[in-house]
């Protein structure tokens, strides 16, 4: 017969961690973290140390997503490649920093909300550089803008523009009042808002915010009649549509009837005394049906429990637990199908072809089991 060799293991429900001890060259596998351990070296009667040698719990998985802890050093390039439109990117977390070091000090430091440059930066690539937010330069004595060829920047014609000419152009427009004639901007809003900063006559910010309301108030139009400006008020019965034809009422002791199938994504808990199923076929996915589930089950509460098949005037067919005699009691005969046997403790006693006792020997299969580790 075939033999089976099983190494030492920790089941998935046993949690993380390796075995406390192993013999030299002994293997153990943690099914929870999927890590293979090896007993390395010899110290007395046990391995000198235990190391992880395989499994996704200890090594990088080439195909699936993983979280890797600890500092990692890459001596060569790291490429993040993706097909066109795949959206591959290199991301750093909220509290992480990406640093470029020249061998002596950090030159460029990029965090989630700032970019720090230790020296000058040159944009040499063709194309444009777009900055959509504000740019703040600290401890800078001057900002130099080289002459660039610009089209239609200053009233049409092409020409060279630098910081000096651009400032002169803006100053001239302001002096001649040719950039507009608005000197004050105000903001008005409905009474449910509070406006601040209005008007702005030089520089400033206009803001408005909802006023505080009493509890259980909603912004809503009229419950009936013509359309008007919405206000904050308490909901009325007329504000809600009649849903009695669509949803079942939860209150009341009347019988609720619904059409079609009902799918419940969570658990179904019935707290009544009787559950009646008027169905021709009952399908249960669980391989184990539990009976007699009470708050404190005992042999006494289980007494008389079992299965009863109604047979009317011919008498019900039952399999009942008898706690006084510690056995199951069947009301009917038991029929053993062809090629099947009757066993006690996995030893065949009777079969369909013999009415005499025949205790067959146990299987000669050999199973070597290393057991489980805590």
Protein backbone atom coordinates (compact mmCIF):
# COMPACT_ATOMS: atom_id res chain seq x y z
CA UNK A 1 0.00 0.00 0.00
CA UNK A 2 1.08 3.64 -0.58
CA UNK A 3 2.84 5.46 2.28
CA UNK A 4 2.36 9.10 3.30
CA UNK A 5 5.01 11.36 4.86
CA UNK A 6 3.78 14.59 6.45
CA UNK A 7 6.15 17.30 7.76
CA UNK A 8 5.64 19.29 10.96
CA UNK A 9 3.11 22.10 10.40
CA UNK A 10 0.97 24.82 11.97
CA UNK A 11 -2.60 25.02 10.63
CA UNK A 12 -4.03 28.26 9.22
CA UNK A 13 -5.99 28.92 12.41
CA UNK A 14 -2.84 28.61 14.54
CA UNK A 15 -1.54 32.11 13.85
CA UNK A 16 1.85 33.35 12.67
CA UNK A 17 5.40 32.41 13.74
CA UNK A 18 7.73 29.45 13.31
CA UNK A 19 8.28 26.43 15.57
CA UNK A 20 10.08 26.88 18.90
CA UNK A 21 12.57 24.16 18.01
CA UNK A 22 13.56 21.80 15.18
CA UNK A 23 16.08 19.06 14.72
CA UNK A 24 18.90 19.51 12.21
CA UNK A 25 17.53 19.41 8.62
CA UNK A 26 13.95 19.09 9.93
CA UNK A 27 11.24 20.99 8.00
CA UNK A 28 8.11 22.78 9.28
CA UNK A 29 5.47 24.78 7.42
CA UNK A 30 3.15 27.52 8.75
CA UNK A 31 -0.11 27.40 6.75
CA UNK A 32 -1.23 30.77 8.18
CA UNK A 33 1.70 32.81 6.80
CA UNK A 34 2.67 30.21 4.13
CA UNK A 35 6.29 30.07 5.31
CA UNK A 36 8.63 27.03 5.15
CA UNK A 37 11.20 26.71 7.99
CA UNK A 38 14.44 24.67 8.17
CA UNK A 39 16.48 23.50 11.17
CA UNK A 40 20.02 24.85 10.53
CA UNK A 41 23.17 23.55 12.21
CA UNK A 42 23.45 21.40 15.34
CA UNK A 43 23.30 22.51 18.97
CA UNK A 44 22.98 19.59 21.35
CA UNK A 45 19.99 17.51 20.28
CA UNK A 46 18.41 20.32 18.27
CA UNK A 47 19.16 22.66 15.37
CA UNK A 48 21.31 25.66 16.21
CA UNK A 49 18.84 28.03 14.54
CA UNK A 50 15.60 28.02 12.56
CA UNK A 51 15.48 29.92 9.26
CA UNK A 52 12.74 30.63 6.70
CA UNK A 53 13.68 29.08 3.34
CA UNK A 54 10.53 29.35 1.23
CA UNK A 55 6.93 30.47 0.84
CA UNK A 56 5.28 33.83 0.13
CA UNK A 57 5.41 34.64 3.85
CA UNK A 58 9.21 35.03 3.69
CA UNK A 59 10.12 35.76 0.07
CA UNK A 60 8.90 38.00 -2.74
CA UNK A 61 6.04 36.60 -4.82
CA UNK A 62 6.71 37.30 -8.52
CA UNK A 63 3.04 37.28 -9.56
CA UNK A 64 0.85 38.54 -6.70
CA UNK A 65 0.65 41.77 -4.67
CA UNK A 66 2.63 41.83 -1.39
CA UNK A 67 3.53 44.21 1.44
CA UNK A 68 7.29 44.17 2.15
CA UNK A 69 8.66 45.51 5.45
CA UNK A 70 12.17 46.49 6.43
CA UNK A 71 14.80 48.50 4.54
CA UNK A 72 15.74 47.12 1.10
CA UNK A 73 18.78 48.23 -0.94
CA UNK A 74 18.83 47.88 -4.74
CA UNK A 75 22.32 48.10 -6.27
CA UNK A 76 20.98 48.61 -9.80
CA UNK A 77 18.07 50.23 -11.63
CA UNK A 78 14.44 49.62 -10.61
CA UNK A 79 12.01 49.69 -13.53
CA UNK A 80 8.22 50.12 -13.27
CA UNK A 81 6.96 49.06 -16.70
CA UNK A 82 3.39 48.88 -17.91
CA UNK A 83 1.59 48.56 -21.23
CA UNK A 84 0.13 51.65 -22.89
CA UNK A 85 -2.74 53.01 -20.80
CA UNK A 86 -2.00 50.60 -17.93
CA UNK A 87 -1.35 53.47 -15.50
CA UNK A 88 1.69 51.94 -13.75
CA UNK A 89 3.32 54.27 -11.24
CA UNK A 90 5.82 54.40 -8.40
CA UNK A 91 4.04 55.61 -5.25
CA UNK A 92 5.24 56.70 -1.82
CA UNK A 93 2.97 56.68 1.23
CA UNK A 94 1.65 59.63 3.21
CA UNK A 95 4.49 59.49 5.76
CA UNK A 96 7.24 58.31 3.36
CA UNK A 97 10.01 60.29 1.63
CA UNK A 98 11.79 59.70 -1.69
CA UNK A 99 15.44 60.89 -1.52
CA UNK A 100 18.16 61.26 -4.19
CA UNK A 101 21.64 61.28 -2.62
CA UNK A 102 24.85 62.27 -4.46
CA UNK A 103 27.00 60.14 -2.17
CA UNK A 104 27.63 62.93 0.31
CA UNK A 105 24.28 64.51 1.10
CA UNK A 106 20.62 64.48 0.09
CA UNK A 107 20.18 66.57 -3.09
CA UNK A 108 16.47 66.10 -3.84
CA UNK A 109 13.90 65.19 -1.19
CA UNK A 110 10.32 64.43 -2.25
CA UNK A 111 7.63 63.84 0.35
CA UNK A 112 3.82 63.76 0.14
CA UNK A 113 3.51 67.56 0.35
CA UNK A 114 6.89 69.13 -0.47
CA UNK A 115 9.86 69.06 -2.84
CA UNK A 116 13.21 70.18 -1.44
CA UNK A 117 16.16 71.00 -3.76
CA UNK A 118 19.64 71.36 -2.23
CA UNK A 119 21.11 73.12 -5.30
CA UNK A 120 20.09 74.73 -8.60
CA UNK A 121 17.78 72.90 -10.96
CA UNK A 122 17.86 73.09 -14.77
CA UNK A 123 14.96 72.16 -17.07
CA UNK A 124 16.74 70.97 -20.21
CA UNK A 125 14.11 68.78 -21.84
CA UNK A 126 12.06 70.07 -24.77
CA UNK A 127 8.48 71.05 -23.99
CA UNK A 128 6.81 73.04 -21.22
CA UNK A 129 6.87 72.92 -17.43
CA UNK A 130 3.41 73.36 -15.92
CA UNK A 131 2.96 74.51 -12.31
CA UNK A 132 -0.71 74.51 -11.34
CA UNK A 133 -0.24 75.65 -7.73
CA UNK A 134 1.71 78.39 -6.01
CA UNK A 135 5.54 78.39 -6.02
CA UNK A 136 7.33 79.79 -2.97
CA UNK A 137 11.07 80.61 -3.13
CA UNK A 138 12.76 81.21 0.21
CA UNK A 139 16.17 82.88 0.82
CA UNK A 140 16.45 83.82 -2.88
CA UNK A 141 18.22 87.08 -3.66
CA UNK A 142 17.04 87.13 -7.28
CA UNK A 143 15.04 85.17 -9.83
CA UNK A 144 16.55 85.21 -13.33
CA UNK A 145 14.28 84.69 -16.34
CA UNK A 146 16.19 84.29 -19.64
CA UNK A 147 15.01 85.87 -22.89
CA UNK A 148 12.47 83.56 -24.53
CA UNK A 149 10.64 83.82 -27.83
CA UNK A 150 6.94 84.29 -27.09
CA UNK A 151 3.98 84.64 -29.46
CA UNK A 152 1.16 87.09 -28.75
CA UNK A 153 2.24 87.71 -25.17
CA UNK A 154 2.33 91.51 -25.28
CA UNK A 155 -0.53 92.83 -27.41
CA UNK A 156 0.08 90.64 -30.44
CA UNK A 157 3.55 90.77 -32.03
CA UNK A 158 6.22 88.22 -31.36
CA UNK A 159 9.22 89.44 -29.40
CA UNK A 160 11.67 88.69 -26.66
CA UNK A 161 10.26 88.85 -23.14
CA UNK A 162 12.04 88.70 -19.82
CA UNK A 163 11.21 89.54 -16.24
CA UNK A 164 12.05 93.26 -16.70
CA UNK A 165 9.97 93.77 -19.85
CA UNK A 166 7.03 91.81 -18.39
CA UNK A 167 7.02 93.92 -15.22
CA UNK A 168 7.18 97.12 -17.30
CA UNK A 169 4.23 95.97 -19.42
CA UNK A 170 2.07 95.19 -16.38
CA UNK A 171 2.96 98.49 -14.68
CA UNK A 172 1.98 100.43 -17.82
CA UNK A 173 -1.37 98.66 -18.09
CA UNK A 174 -2.16 99.36 -14.44
CA UNK A 175 -1.15 103.03 -14.75
CA UNK A 176 -3.30 103.55 -17.84
CA UNK A 177 -6.20 101.67 -16.22
CA UNK A 178 -6.39 99.44 -19.30
CA UNK A 179 -6.72 96.17 -17.47
CA UNK A 180 -10.24 96.85 -16.17
CA UNK A 181 -12.33 99.24 -14.10
CA UNK A 182 -13.56 97.06 -11.24
CA UNK A 183 -12.45 98.44 -7.85
CA UNK A 184 -14.82 96.63 -5.51
CA UNK A 185 -16.26 93.10 -5.54
CA UNK A 186 -19.03 92.03 -3.21
CA UNK A 187 -20.97 88.83 -2.61
CA UNK A 188 -24.61 88.37 -1.67
CA UNK A 189 -26.28 85.08 -0.80
CA UNK A 190 -29.65 83.78 0.50
CA UNK A 191 -30.40 84.17 4.18
CA UNK A 192 -29.39 80.61 5.00
CA UNK A 193 -25.76 81.66 4.38
CA UNK A 194 -23.38 84.00 6.21
CA UNK A 195 -21.08 86.05 3.95
CA UNK A 196 -17.69 87.28 5.15
CA UNK A 197 -15.01 89.44 3.51
CA UNK A 198 -17.46 91.44 1.37
CA UNK A 199 -16.75 93.74 -0.32
CA UNK A 200 -13.15 93.30 -1.50
CA UNK A 201 -11.72 96.68 -2.51
CA UNK A 202 -8.04 95.81 -2.68
CA UNK A 203 -7.11 92.23 -1.87
CA UNK A 204 -9.01 89.68 0.14
CA UNK A 205 -11.18 86.58 0.03
CA UNK A 206 -14.94 86.28 -0.21
CA UNK A 207 -16.39 83.39 1.77
CA UNK A 208 -19.84 82.18 2.67
CA UNK A 209 -21.04 79.33 4.90
CA UNK A 210 -24.35 77.78 5.88
CA UNK A 211 -25.91 79.16 9.04
CA UNK A 212 -26.37 76.80 11.98
CA UNK A 213 -29.79 75.12 12.08
CA UNK A 214 -31.84 73.40 14.76
CA UNK A 215 -31.68 69.61 14.94
CA UNK A 216 -33.70 67.43 12.59
CA UNK A 217 -34.11 70.17 9.97
CA UNK A 218 -33.64 69.55 6.25
CA UNK A 219 -33.33 71.92 3.30
CA UNK A 220 -36.47 71.21 1.28
CA UNK A 221 -39.17 72.84 -0.82
CA UNK A 222 -42.90 72.93 0.01
CA UNK A 223 -44.71 69.69 0.89
CA UNK A 224 -47.47 70.61 -1.59
CA UNK A 225 -48.62 73.45 -3.80
CA UNK A 226 -46.54 75.63 -6.10
CA UNK A 227 -42.73 75.71 -6.18
CA UNK A 228 -41.03 78.10 -3.75
CA UNK A 229 -37.51 78.71 -2.47
CA UNK A 230 -36.41 75.79 -0.24
CA UNK A 231 -36.00 76.37 3.50
CA UNK A 232 -34.80 74.42 6.51
CA UNK A 233 -37.74 72.75 8.25
CA UNK A 234 -38.91 69.46 9.83
CA UNK A 235 -40.04 66.76 7.42
CA UNK A 236 -43.79 66.27 7.07
CA UNK A 237 -45.75 63.18 6.06
CA UNK A 238 -46.58 64.76 2.67
CA UNK A 239 -42.85 65.12 1.93
CA UNK A 240 -42.48 61.33 1.56
CA UNK A 241 -44.09 59.29 -1.23
CA UNK A 242 -46.40 56.34 -0.50
CA UNK A 243 -44.14 53.27 -0.63
CA UNK A 244 -46.61 50.71 0.74
CA UNK A 245 -46.91 49.10 -2.70
CA UNK A 246 -43.14 48.70 -2.97
CA UNK A 247 -41.84 47.89 0.54
CA UNK A 248 -43.14 45.72 3.40
CA UNK A 249 -44.00 47.44 6.66
CA UNK A 250 -41.82 46.21 9.54
CA UNK A 251 -44.32 47.12 12.28
CA UNK A 252 -47.53 45.25 13.11
CA UNK A 253 -48.44 41.58 13.58
CA UNK A 254 -50.08 41.07 10.20
CA UNK A 255 -48.83 38.43 7.78
CA UNK A 256 -46.39 39.88 5.24
CA UNK A 257 -46.45 38.38 1.73
CA UNK A 258 -44.04 39.20 -1.08
CA UNK A 259 -43.72 38.05 -4.68
CA UNK A 260 -40.64 36.60 -6.37
CA UNK A 261 -37.34 35.40 -4.94
CA UNK A 262 -35.68 36.90 -1.83
CA UNK A 263 -31.87 36.96 -1.51
CA UNK A 264 -30.36 37.86 1.88
CA UNK A 265 -26.64 38.73 1.75
CA UNK A 266 -26.21 38.37 5.54
CA UNK A 267 -27.55 35.88 8.10
CA UNK A 268 -31.27 35.13 8.55
CA UNK A 269 -32.28 34.99 12.23
CA UNK A 270 -35.82 33.79 13.03
CA UNK A 271 -36.86 34.33 16.68
CA UNK A 272 -40.33 32.79 16.49
CA UNK A 273 -41.32 29.40 17.94
CA UNK A 274 -42.11 27.69 14.62
CA UNK A 275 -40.56 27.92 11.16
CA UNK A 276 -42.68 26.42 8.35
CA UNK A 277 -41.25 25.71 4.88
CA UNK A 278 -43.87 25.02 2.21
CA UNK A 279 -41.45 23.77 -0.41
CA UNK A 280 -40.95 20.56 -2.36
CA UNK A 281 -37.14 20.63 -2.25
CA UNK A 282 -34.94 21.84 0.63
CA UNK A 283 -31.26 22.34 -0.30
CA UNK A 284 -28.65 23.01 2.42
CA UNK A 285 -25.05 23.81 1.44
CA UNK A 286 -23.60 22.98 4.89
CA UNK A 287 -22.52 19.34 5.21
CA UNK A 288 -23.50 19.29 8.93
CA UNK A 289 -27.02 19.91 10.27
CA UNK A 290 -27.01 20.93 13.95
CA UNK A 291 -30.06 20.08 16.10
CA UNK A 292 -30.91 20.95 19.69
CA UNK A 293 -28.96 24.25 19.71
CA UNK A 294 -29.94 25.85 23.03
CA UNK A 295 -28.16 28.25 25.37
CA UNK A 296 -26.69 25.44 27.57
CA UNK A 297 -26.89 22.10 25.71
CA UNK A 298 -26.55 18.90 27.75
CA UNK A 299 -27.30 15.21 27.31
CA UNK A 300 -30.64 15.91 29.01
CA UNK A 301 -31.65 18.65 26.56
CA UNK A 302 -30.64 16.37 23.67
CA UNK A 303 -32.84 13.49 24.91
CA UNK A 304 -35.64 12.74 22.47
CA UNK A 305 -34.05 14.76 19.70
CA UNK A 306 -33.56 13.47 16.17
CA UNK A 307 -35.35 13.22 12.86
CA UNK A 308 -39.01 12.34 12.32
CA UNK A 309 -40.46 11.58 8.85
CA UNK A 310 -44.24 11.93 8.79
CA UNK A 311 -46.04 8.82 7.52
CA UNK A 312 -49.56 9.59 8.66
CA UNK A 313 -51.69 6.62 9.73
CA UNK A 314 -48.76 4.24 9.01
CA UNK A 315 -46.73 5.78 11.82
CA UNK A 316 -43.90 8.29 11.63
CA UNK A 317 -40.41 7.00 10.81
CA UNK A 318 -37.92 8.23 13.43
CA UNK A 319 -34.26 8.27 14.47
CA UNK A 320 -34.27 9.42 18.12
CA UNK A 321 -31.46 9.97 20.69
CA UNK A 322 -32.03 8.07 23.97
CA UNK A 323 -29.91 9.75 26.65
CA UNK A 324 -30.89 7.17 29.31
CA UNK A 325 -29.33 4.33 27.31
CA UNK A 326 -26.78 6.52 25.47
CA UNK A 327 -27.80 5.34 22.01
CA UNK A 328 -29.76 6.24 18.88
CA UNK A 329 -33.08 4.41 18.44
CA UNK A 330 -34.52 3.76 14.99
CA UNK A 331 -38.17 2.93 14.47
CA UNK A 332 -37.43 1.07 11.22
CA UNK A 333 -35.16 -1.57 9.70
CA UNK A 334 -31.77 -0.68 8.16
CA UNK A 335 -31.01 -1.92 4.66
CA UNK A 336 -27.36 -2.21 3.50
CA UNK A 337 -26.99 -1.69 -0.25
CA UNK A 338 -25.00 -4.12 -2.46
CA UNK A 339 -21.20 -3.89 -2.15
CA UNK A 340 -21.59 -2.08 1.19
CA UNK A 341 -20.77 -3.41 4.67
CA UNK A 342 -21.80 -2.82 8.25
CA UNK A 343 -18.84 -1.59 10.34
CA UNK A 344 -17.99 -1.00 13.98
CA UNK A 345 -14.92 1.15 14.64
CA UNK A 346 -14.19 0.96 10.86
CA UNK A 347 -14.08 -2.87 11.01
CA UNK A 348 -16.49 -4.60 8.59
CA UNK A 349 -18.76 -7.03 10.40
CA UNK A 350 -21.49 -7.90 7.89
CA UNK A 351 -22.01 -7.45 4.17
CA UNK A 352 -24.82 -8.17 1.71
CA UNK A 353 -23.49 -11.66 0.97
CA UNK A 354 -22.80 -12.96 4.44
CA UNK A 355 -24.91 -13.01 7.59
CA UNK A 356 -21.98 -14.18 9.72
CA UNK A 357 -19.51 -12.03 11.64
CA UNK A 358 -16.33 -11.36 9.72
CA UNK A 359 -13.80 -8.98 11.26
CA UNK A 360 -11.50 -7.98 8.43
CA UNK A 361 -7.94 -6.89 9.24
CA UNK A 362 -7.05 -3.23 9.27
CA UNK A 363 -5.44 -1.61 6.25
CA UNK A 364 -1.72 -2.11 6.00
CA UNK A 365 -1.10 1.50 4.89
CA UNK A 366 1.67 3.26 6.82
CA UNK A 367 1.27 6.96 7.73
CA UNK A 368 4.22 8.85 9.21
CA UNK A 369 2.88 12.04 10.81
CA UNK A 370 5.11 14.73 12.34
CA UNK A 371 2.17 16.18 14.22
CA UNK A 372 1.41 19.87 14.76
CA UNK A 373 3.42 22.63 16.52
CA UNK A 374 1.95 25.32 18.74
